[in-house]
Amino acid sequence: MDAFWNIELAELVGTIFYTFLGMALMAITWRIIVWISPFSIVKEIEEDQNIALAVLIGMLFVSMAIIIAAVIVS
């Protein structure tokens, strides 16, 4: 229980900052993907039920999250 109370304010602020930074990078990545794709990604996934595209986009976001986390930790 003592470890919980030993959290410093700088660590908390850094965690919150990097969380929002990672979310912003993910949003920017999504906008770039939508911008460069020759078709509507949202229409393909939602209306046409393109599972392969949904899995591909999901894997892209997981890989981006791993890269962002590795950069933040280093």
N, C-alpha and C. Protein backbone atom coordinates (compact mmCIF):
# COMPACT_ATOMS: atom_id res chain seq x y z
N MET A 1 0.81 -1.19 0.00
CA MET A 1 0.00 0.00 0.00
C MET A 1 0.86 1.26 0.00
N ASP A 2 2.07 1.16 0.54
CA ASP A 2 2.95 2.33 0.58
C ASP A 2 3.41 2.75 -0.82
N ALA A 3 3.53 1.80 -1.73
CA ALA A 3 4.00 2.12 -3.07
C ALA A 3 3.00 3.02 -3.79
N PHE A 4 1.73 2.86 -3.49
CA PHE A 4 0.71 3.70 -4.13
C PHE A 4 0.86 5.15 -3.71
N TRP A 5 1.21 5.40 -2.48
CA TRP A 5 1.30 6.77 -1.97
C TRP A 5 2.62 7.43 -2.32
N ASN A 6 3.56 6.68 -2.85
CA ASN A 6 4.87 7.24 -3.21
C ASN A 6 4.92 7.78 -4.63
N ILE A 7 3.78 7.87 -5.28
CA ILE A 7 3.73 8.40 -6.64
C ILE A 7 3.98 9.91 -6.58
N GLU A 8 4.91 10.37 -7.36
CA GLU A 8 5.24 11.79 -7.38
C GLU A 8 4.37 12.52 -8.39
N LEU A 9 4.19 13.80 -8.16
CA LEU A 9 3.36 14.61 -9.05
C LEU A 9 3.95 14.67 -10.45
N ALA A 10 5.26 14.72 -10.57
CA ALA A 10 5.90 14.77 -11.89
C ALA A 10 5.62 13.51 -12.69
N GLU A 11 5.61 12.36 -12.02
CA GLU A 11 5.30 11.11 -12.72
C GLU A 11 3.86 11.11 -13.20
N LEU A 12 2.94 11.60 -12.40
CA LEU A 12 1.54 11.65 -12.77
C LEU A 12 1.31 12.60 -13.94
N VAL A 13 1.92 13.77 -13.88
CA VAL A 13 1.78 14.74 -14.97
C VAL A 13 2.42 14.20 -16.25
N GLY A 14 3.56 13.56 -16.12
CA GLY A 14 4.21 12.97 -17.30
C GLY A 14 3.37 11.88 -17.93
N THR A 15 2.77 11.05 -17.10
CA THR A 15 1.91 9.98 -17.62
C THR A 15 0.71 10.56 -18.35
N ILE A 16 0.08 11.56 -17.77
CA ILE A 16 -1.07 12.19 -18.42
C ILE A 16 -0.66 12.87 -19.71
N PHE A 17 0.46 13.57 -19.71
CA PHE A 17 0.95 14.24 -20.91
C PHE A 17 1.22 13.24 -22.03
N TYR A 18 1.95 12.18 -21.71
CA TYR A 18 2.30 11.21 -22.75
C TYR A 18 1.08 10.40 -23.21
N THR A 19 0.09 10.25 -22.34
CA THR A 19 -1.15 9.60 -22.78
C THR A 19 -1.83 10.44 -23.84
N PHE A 20 -1.96 11.74 -23.58
CA PHE A 20 -2.60 12.60 -24.57
C PHE A 20 -1.75 12.76 -25.82
N LEU A 21 -0.44 12.75 -25.67
CA LEU A 21 0.44 12.81 -26.84
C LEU A 21 0.26 11.57 -27.72
N GLY A 22 0.21 10.40 -27.10
CA GLY A 22 -0.02 9.17 -27.85
C GLY A 22 -1.36 9.16 -28.54
N MET A 23 -2.41 9.64 -27.84
CA MET A 23 -3.73 9.69 -28.46
C MET A 23 -3.76 10.67 -29.63
N ALA A 24 -3.06 11.79 -29.49
CA ALA A 24 -2.99 12.77 -30.58
C ALA A 24 -2.26 12.18 -31.79
N LEU A 25 -1.18 11.46 -31.54
CA LEU A 25 -0.46 10.83 -32.65
C LEU A 25 -1.31 9.77 -33.34
N MET A 26 -2.11 9.04 -32.57
CA MET A 26 -3.01 8.05 -33.17
C MET A 26 -4.08 8.74 -34.03
N ALA A 27 -4.61 9.87 -33.54
CA ALA A 27 -5.62 10.61 -34.31
C ALA A 27 -5.02 11.18 -35.60
N ILE A 28 -3.81 11.69 -35.50
CA ILE A 28 -3.14 12.21 -36.71
C ILE A 28 -2.89 11.08 -37.70
N THR A 29 -2.47 9.93 -37.18
CA THR A 29 -2.25 8.76 -38.06
C THR A 29 -3.55 8.36 -38.76
N TRP A 30 -4.65 8.36 -38.02
CA TRP A 30 -5.95 8.00 -38.62
C TRP A 30 -6.31 9.00 -39.72
N ARG A 31 -6.12 10.30 -39.47
CA ARG A 31 -6.43 11.31 -40.49
C ARG A 31 -5.57 11.13 -41.74
N ILE A 32 -4.31 10.80 -41.56
CA ILE A 32 -3.43 10.58 -42.71
C ILE A 32 -3.87 9.36 -43.50
N ILE A 33 -4.24 8.29 -42.81
CA ILE A 33 -4.70 7.08 -43.49
C ILE A 33 -5.95 7.37 -44.30
N VAL A 34 -6.90 8.09 -43.71
CA VAL A 34 -8.14 8.43 -44.42
C VAL A 34 -7.84 9.33 -45.60
N TRP A 35 -6.90 10.25 -45.42
CA TRP A 35 -6.58 11.20 -46.48
C TRP A 35 -5.91 10.54 -47.68
N ILE A 36 -5.01 9.56 -47.45
CA ILE A 36 -4.27 8.98 -48.58
C ILE A 36 -4.97 7.78 -49.20
N SER A 37 -6.01 7.27 -48.56
CA SER A 37 -6.66 6.08 -49.13
C SER A 37 -7.55 6.48 -50.31
N PRO A 38 -7.58 5.63 -51.34
CA PRO A 38 -8.37 5.96 -52.53
C PRO A 38 -9.87 5.67 -52.36
N PHE A 39 -10.28 5.15 -51.22
CA PHE A 39 -11.69 4.83 -50.97
C PHE A 39 -12.03 5.19 -49.53
N SER A 40 -13.30 5.19 -49.22
CA SER A 40 -13.74 5.54 -47.87
C SER A 40 -13.53 4.34 -46.94
N ILE A 41 -12.61 4.48 -46.01
CA ILE A 41 -12.30 3.39 -45.09
C ILE A 41 -13.48 3.12 -44.17
N VAL A 42 -14.11 4.18 -43.69
CA VAL A 42 -15.24 4.02 -42.77
C VAL A 42 -16.39 3.30 -43.47
N LYS A 43 -16.67 3.65 -44.73
CA LYS A 43 -17.74 2.99 -45.48
C LYS A 43 -17.40 1.52 -45.70
N GLU A 44 -16.15 1.24 -46.03
CA GLU A 44 -15.74 -0.15 -46.26
C GLU A 44 -15.91 -1.01 -45.01
N ILE A 45 -15.56 -0.45 -43.86
CA ILE A 45 -15.63 -1.23 -42.62
C ILE A 45 -17.06 -1.32 -42.11
N GLU A 46 -17.78 -0.19 -42.07
CA GLU A 46 -19.11 -0.18 -41.47
C GLU A 46 -20.19 -0.75 -42.39
N GLU A 47 -20.26 -0.26 -43.61
CA GLU A 47 -21.36 -0.65 -44.49
C GLU A 47 -21.07 -1.95 -45.24
N ASP A 48 -19.86 -2.08 -45.77
CA ASP A 48 -19.53 -3.25 -46.58
C ASP A 48 -19.01 -4.41 -45.74
N GLN A 49 -18.83 -4.19 -44.44
CA GLN A 49 -18.37 -5.23 -43.51
C GLN A 49 -17.06 -5.88 -43.95
N ASN A 50 -16.11 -5.05 -44.34
CA ASN A 50 -14.81 -5.53 -44.79
C ASN A 50 -13.94 -5.87 -43.56
N ILE A 51 -13.99 -7.12 -43.16
CA ILE A 51 -13.29 -7.57 -41.95
C ILE A 51 -11.77 -7.48 -42.14
N ALA A 52 -11.29 -7.80 -43.31
CA ALA A 52 -9.85 -7.77 -43.56
C ALA A 52 -9.29 -6.35 -43.39
N LEU A 53 -10.00 -5.36 -43.88
CA LEU A 53 -9.56 -3.98 -43.72
C LEU A 53 -9.62 -3.56 -42.25
N ALA A 54 -10.65 -3.98 -41.54
CA ALA A 54 -10.76 -3.66 -40.12
C ALA A 54 -9.60 -4.27 -39.33
N VAL A 55 -9.25 -5.50 -39.63
CA VAL A 55 -8.13 -6.15 -38.95
C VAL A 55 -6.83 -5.44 -39.30
N LEU A 56 -6.65 -5.06 -40.55
CA LEU A 56 -5.45 -4.35 -40.97
C LEU A 56 -5.31 -3.01 -40.26
N ILE A 57 -6.38 -2.24 -40.18
CA ILE A 57 -6.33 -0.96 -39.48
C ILE A 57 -6.09 -1.18 -38.00
N GLY A 58 -6.71 -2.18 -37.41
CA GLY A 58 -6.49 -2.50 -36.00
C GLY A 58 -5.04 -2.86 -35.73
N MET A 59 -4.46 -3.68 -36.60
CA MET A 59 -3.05 -4.06 -36.45
C MET A 59 -2.14 -2.84 -36.60
N LEU A 60 -2.51 -1.93 -37.49
CA LEU A 60 -1.73 -0.71 -37.67
C LEU A 60 -1.73 0.11 -36.39
N PHE A 61 -2.89 0.24 -35.75
CA PHE A 61 -2.96 1.02 -34.52
C PHE A 61 -2.24 0.34 -33.37
N VAL A 62 -2.28 -0.97 -33.29
CA VAL A 62 -1.54 -1.68 -32.25
C VAL A 62 -0.04 -1.48 -32.46
N SER A 63 0.41 -1.57 -33.71
CA SER A 63 1.84 -1.38 -33.98
C SER A 63 2.26 0.07 -33.70
N MET A 64 1.40 1.03 -34.02
CA MET A 64 1.70 2.43 -33.69
C MET A 64 1.78 2.62 -32.18
N ALA A 65 0.88 1.98 -31.44
CA ALA A 65 0.90 2.10 -29.98
C ALA A 65 2.18 1.52 -29.40
N ILE A 66 2.65 0.40 -29.94
CA ILE A 66 3.90 -0.21 -29.47
C ILE A 66 5.08 0.71 -29.76
N ILE A 67 5.11 1.30 -30.94
CA ILE A 67 6.19 2.22 -31.31
C ILE A 67 6.18 3.46 -30.42
N ILE A 68 5.00 4.04 -30.21
CA ILE A 68 4.90 5.23 -29.36
C ILE A 68 5.32 4.91 -27.94
N ALA A 69 4.88 3.76 -27.42
CA ALA A 69 5.25 3.37 -26.05
C ALA A 69 6.75 3.16 -25.95
N ALA A 70 7.36 2.56 -26.96
CA ALA A 70 8.81 2.33 -26.91
C ALA A 70 9.57 3.65 -26.94
N VAL A 71 9.09 4.61 -27.70
CA VAL A 71 9.75 5.90 -27.75
C VAL A 71 9.59 6.64 -26.43
N ILE A 72 8.43 6.55 -25.82
CA ILE A 72 8.19 7.24 -24.55
C ILE A 72 9.05 6.61 -23.44
N VAL A 73 9.16 5.30 -23.43
CA VAL A 73 9.92 4.62 -22.37
C VAL A 73 11.42 4.89 -22.50
N SER A 74 11.92 5.02 -23.71
CA SER A 74 13.36 5.19 -23.89
C SER A 74 13.85 6.58 -23.56
